[in-house]
Amino acid sequence: MTKGDKVITDELPETLQRSGKAAQETFAKAHDSAVEEYGEGRRAHQTAFAALKHTHEKVGDHWEPKDHTGPSDDRAAGGRDTDEETAEGVDAKASKKHLYEIAQRLDVPGRSTMDKDELVDAIKKANRRETARSRT
């Protein structure tokens, strides 16, 4: 995914192609390192996304820097041996206020009456919708 210090953007997943340079570099460097360790394939991609989720969150059809670093959900915190469900790039460890603001930006209906878990689920669905819309 990198050639020297340059990220080869057309090799990145679509959501990263629509993201900032920092997200692209984080994913590409982690992916290249994982390929050296595990070989090309699914595990390298999963490792790169896990690294990305420590510094970025998925908002709509792209990735944005988080206000804090660290795992975005219990799956990211537990590693590959955990049975926890992934939040698909949503920063489930963020405050309810932050999640509400993301839901507001994504125009999630009913967000004002949702608890934190419901906001995470609604943002995941909105992200999937926006990503699918971007592909067409």
C-alpha atoms as a PDB file:
ATOM      1  CA  MET A   1       0.000   0.000   0.000  1.00  0.00           C
ATOM      2  CA  THR A   2       3.037   2.237   0.259  1.00  0.00           C
ATOM      3  CA  LYS A   3       5.878   2.846  -2.134  1.00  0.00           C
ATOM      4  CA  GLY A   4       8.691   4.440  -0.212  1.00  0.00           C
ATOM      5  CA  ASP A   5       6.966   7.074   1.905  1.00  0.00           C
ATOM      6  CA  LYS A   6       4.038   7.525  -0.500  1.00  0.00           C
ATOM      7  CA  VAL A   7       0.647   5.869   0.033  1.00  0.00           C
ATOM      8  CA  ILE A   8      -0.735   4.217  -3.094  1.00  0.00           C
ATOM      9  CA  THR A   9      -4.279   5.488  -2.656  1.00  0.00           C
ATOM     10  CA  ASP A  10      -5.915   3.443  -5.433  1.00  0.00           C
ATOM     11  CA  GLU A  11      -5.016   0.283  -3.484  1.00  0.00           C
ATOM     12  CA  LEU A  12      -6.846   1.494  -0.367  1.00  0.00           C
ATOM     13  CA  PRO A  13     -10.429   0.516   0.501  1.00  0.00           C
ATOM     14  CA  GLU A  14     -12.942   3.045  -0.899  1.00  0.00           C
ATOM     15  CA  THR A  15     -13.773   4.553   2.486  1.00  0.00           C
ATOM     16  CA  LEU A  16     -10.100   5.358   2.985  1.00  0.00           C
ATOM     17  CA  GLN A  17      -9.781   6.855  -0.485  1.00  0.00           C
ATOM     18  CA  ARG A  18     -12.381   9.417   0.685  1.00  0.00           C
ATOM     19  CA  SER A  19     -10.522  10.029   3.960  1.00  0.00           C
ATOM     20  CA  GLY A  20      -7.702  12.306   5.007  1.00  0.00           C
ATOM     21  CA  LYS A  21      -4.002  11.648   4.600  1.00  0.00           C
ATOM     22  CA  ALA A  22      -3.495  10.653   8.256  1.00  0.00           C
ATOM     23  CA  ALA A  23      -6.113   7.884   8.017  1.00  0.00           C
ATOM     24  CA  GLN A  24      -4.638   6.656   4.745  1.00  0.00           C
ATOM     25  CA  GLU A  25      -1.109   6.579   6.159  1.00  0.00           C
ATOM     26  CA  THR A  26      -2.195   4.850   9.377  1.00  0.00           C
ATOM     27  CA  PHE A  27      -3.970   2.101   7.442  1.00  0.00           C
ATOM     28  CA  ALA A  28      -1.236   1.698   4.810  1.00  0.00           C
ATOM     29  CA  LYS A  29       1.637   1.461   7.304  1.00  0.00           C
ATOM     30  CA  ALA A  30      -0.233  -1.003   9.501  1.00  0.00           C
ATOM     31  CA  HIS A  31      -1.222  -3.044   6.448  1.00  0.00           C
ATOM     32  CA  ASP A  32       2.347  -3.192   5.127  1.00  0.00           C
ATOM     33  CA  SER A  33       3.621  -4.275   8.536  1.00  0.00           C
ATOM     34  CA  ALA A  34       0.900  -6.932   8.826  1.00  0.00           C
ATOM     35  CA  VAL A  35       1.706  -8.260   5.344  1.00  0.00           C
ATOM     36  CA  GLU A  36       5.318  -8.749   6.445  1.00  0.00           C
ATOM     37  CA  GLU A  37       4.125 -10.612   9.534  1.00  0.00           C
ATOM     38  CA  TYR A  38       1.152 -12.623   8.208  1.00  0.00           C
ATOM     39  CA  GLY A  39       1.278 -12.385   4.424  1.00  0.00           C
ATOM     40  CA  GLU A  40      -1.213 -10.689   2.093  1.00  0.00           C
ATOM     41  CA  GLY A  41      -4.881 -11.302   2.783  1.00  0.00           C
ATOM     42  CA  ARG A  42      -7.737 -10.926   5.212  1.00  0.00           C
ATOM     43  CA  ARG A  43      -5.654 -10.928   8.389  1.00  0.00           C
ATOM     44  CA  ALA A  44      -3.483  -8.063   7.114  1.00  0.00           C
ATOM     45  CA  HIS A  45      -6.607  -6.009   6.307  1.00  0.00           C
ATOM     46  CA  GLN A  46      -8.153  -6.749   9.700  1.00  0.00           C
ATOM     47  CA  THR A  47      -4.945  -5.739  11.464  1.00  0.00           C
ATOM     48  CA  ALA A  48      -4.774  -2.485   9.494  1.00  0.00           C
ATOM     49  CA  PHE A  49      -8.399  -1.623  10.277  1.00  0.00           C
ATOM     50  CA  ALA A  50      -7.791  -2.398  13.965  1.00  0.00           C
ATOM     51  CA  ALA A  51      -4.890   0.068  13.981  1.00  0.00           C
ATOM     52  CA  LEU A  52      -6.997   2.669  12.159  1.00  0.00           C
ATOM     53  CA  LYS A  53      -9.809   2.359  14.706  1.00  0.00           C
ATOM     54  CA  HIS A  54      -7.431   3.430  17.479  1.00  0.00           C
ATOM     55  CA  THR A  55      -6.963   6.870  15.912  1.00  0.00           C
ATOM     56  CA  HIS A  56      -9.985   7.350  13.611  1.00  0.00           C
ATOM     57  CA  GLU A  57     -13.727   6.741  13.537  1.00  0.00           C
ATOM     58  CA  LYS A  58     -16.000   6.044  10.611  1.00  0.00           C
ATOM     59  CA  VAL A  59     -18.419   8.884   9.901  1.00  0.00           C
ATOM     60  CA  GLY A  60     -20.675   8.294   6.929  1.00  0.00           C
ATOM     61  CA  ASP A  61     -18.561   7.143   3.998  1.00  0.00           C
ATOM     62  CA  HIS A  62     -15.102   8.106   5.317  1.00  0.00           C
ATOM     63  CA  TRP A  63     -12.805   8.070   8.369  1.00  0.00           C
ATOM     64  CA  GLU A  64     -12.157  11.074  10.627  1.00  0.00           C
ATOM     65  CA  PRO A  65      -9.590  11.550  13.419  1.00  0.00           C
ATOM     66  CA  LYS A  66     -10.868  10.837  16.926  1.00  0.00           C
ATOM     67  CA  ASP A  67     -10.445  13.318  19.769  1.00  0.00           C
ATOM     68  CA  HIS A  68      -8.598  10.631  21.721  1.00  0.00           C
ATOM     69  CA  THR A  69      -6.584   7.545  20.862  1.00  0.00           C
ATOM     70  CA  GLY A  70      -7.457   4.042  21.930  1.00  0.00           C
ATOM     71  CA  PRO A  71      -9.745   1.188  20.991  1.00  0.00           C
ATOM     72  CA  SER A  72     -13.098   2.190  19.536  1.00  0.00           C
ATOM     73  CA  ASP A  73     -15.048  -0.769  20.900  1.00  0.00           C
ATOM     74  CA  ASP A  74     -14.712  -3.879  23.061  1.00  0.00           C
ATOM     75  CA  ARG A  75     -13.671  -5.954  20.035  1.00  0.00           C
ATOM     76  CA  ALA A  76     -10.749  -3.618  19.310  1.00  0.00           C
ATOM     77  CA  ALA A  77      -9.791  -3.621  22.986  1.00  0.00           C
ATOM     78  CA  GLY A  78      -9.877  -7.425  23.245  1.00  0.00           C
ATOM     79  CA  GLY A  79      -8.013  -8.300  20.072  1.00  0.00           C
ATOM     80  CA  ARG A  80      -8.710 -11.084  17.644  1.00  0.00           C
ATOM     81  CA  ASP A  81      -9.389 -13.690  20.333  1.00  0.00           C
ATOM     82  CA  THR A  82     -12.439 -11.901  21.731  1.00  0.00           C
ATOM     83  CA  ASP A  83     -16.045 -12.775  20.953  1.00  0.00           C
ATOM     84  CA  GLU A  84     -17.138  -9.140  21.314  1.00  0.00           C
ATOM     85  CA  GLU A  85     -19.094  -7.555  18.472  1.00  0.00           C
ATOM     86  CA  THR A  86     -17.437  -4.862  16.382  1.00  0.00           C
ATOM     87  CA  ALA A  87     -18.906  -1.368  16.192  1.00  0.00           C
ATOM     88  CA  GLU A  88     -17.814  -1.165  12.524  1.00  0.00           C
ATOM     89  CA  GLY A  89     -15.604   1.870  13.060  1.00  0.00           C
ATOM     90  CA  VAL A  90     -18.062   3.792  15.240  1.00  0.00           C
ATOM     91  CA  ASP A  91     -16.272   5.061  18.343  1.00  0.00           C
ATOM     92  CA  ALA A  92     -18.489   3.218  20.817  1.00  0.00           C
ATOM     93  CA  LYS A  93     -16.175   4.301  23.653  1.00  0.00           C
ATOM     94  CA  ALA A  94     -16.946   7.992  22.957  1.00  0.00           C
ATOM     95  CA  SER A  95     -19.348   9.979  25.095  1.00  0.00           C
ATOM     96  CA  LYS A  96     -23.069   9.934  24.436  1.00  0.00           C
ATOM     97  CA  LYS A  97     -22.798  13.636  23.569  1.00  0.00           C
ATOM     98  CA  HIS A  98     -20.215  12.898  20.863  1.00  0.00           C
ATOM     99  CA  LEU A  99     -22.289  10.042  19.455  1.00  0.00           C
ATOM    100  CA  TYR A 100     -25.352  12.288  19.407  1.00  0.00           C
ATOM    101  CA  GLU A 101     -23.390  14.933  17.454  1.00  0.00           C
ATOM    102  CA  ILE A 102     -22.286  12.314  14.904  1.00  0.00           C
ATOM    103  CA  ALA A 103     -25.879  11.070  14.620  1.00  0.00           C
ATOM    104  CA  GLN A 104     -27.000  14.650  14.092  1.00  0.00           C
ATOM    105  CA  ARG A 105     -24.458  15.134  11.279  1.00  0.00           C
ATOM    106  CA  LEU A 106     -25.691  11.906   9.669  1.00  0.00           C
ATOM    107  CA  ASP A 107     -29.330  13.021  10.112  1.00  0.00           C
ATOM    108  CA  VAL A 108     -30.280   9.920  12.124  1.00  0.00           C
ATOM    109  CA  PRO A 109     -34.013  10.095  12.896  1.00  0.00           C
ATOM    110  CA  GLY A 110     -35.099   9.659  16.528  1.00  0.00           C
ATOM    111  CA  ARG A 111     -31.599  10.334  17.875  1.00  0.00           C
ATOM    112  CA  SER A 112     -32.825  12.562  20.715  1.00  0.00           C
ATOM    113  CA  THR A 113     -34.569   9.649  22.445  1.00  0.00           C
ATOM    114  CA  MET A 114     -31.796   7.079  21.951  1.00  0.00           C
ATOM    115  CA  ASP A 115     -29.461   5.765  24.615  1.00  0.00           C
ATOM    116  CA  LYS A 116     -25.749   5.296  23.899  1.00  0.00           C
ATOM    117  CA  ASP A 117     -26.029   1.736  22.525  1.00  0.00           C
ATOM    118  CA  GLU A 118     -28.914   2.738  20.281  1.00  0.00           C
ATOM    119  CA  LEU A 119     -26.895   5.679  18.954  1.00  0.00           C
ATOM    120  CA  VAL A 120     -23.984   3.350  18.111  1.00  0.00           C
ATOM    121  CA  ASP A 121     -26.320   0.998  16.224  1.00  0.00           C
ATOM    122  CA  ALA A 122     -28.027   3.863  14.395  1.00  0.00           C
ATOM    123  CA  ILE A 123     -24.678   5.376  13.371  1.00  0.00           C
ATOM    124  CA  LYS A 124     -23.489   1.971  12.101  1.00  0.00           C
ATOM    125  CA  LYS A 125     -26.595   1.768   9.898  1.00  0.00           C
ATOM    126  CA  ALA A 126     -26.192   5.345   8.683  1.00  0.00           C
ATOM    127  CA  ASN A 127     -22.521   4.685   7.878  1.00  0.00           C
ATOM    128  CA  ARG A 128     -23.460   1.598   5.846  1.00  0.00           C
ATOM    129  CA  ARG A 129     -26.080   3.634   3.964  1.00  0.00           C
ATOM    130  CA  GLU A 130     -23.650   6.470   3.185  1.00  0.00           C
ATOM    131  CA  THR A 131     -20.941   4.054   2.053  1.00  0.00           C
ATOM    132  CA  ALA A 132     -23.382   2.240  -0.239  1.00  0.00           C
ATOM    133  CA  ARG A 133     -24.600   5.580  -1.623  1.00  0.00           C
ATOM    134  CA  SER A 134     -21.007   6.621  -2.368  1.00  0.00           C
ATOM    135  CA  ARG A 135     -20.434   3.470  -4.420  1.00  0.00           C
ATOM    136  CA  THR A 136     -23.195   4.299  -6.889  1.00  0.00           C
END
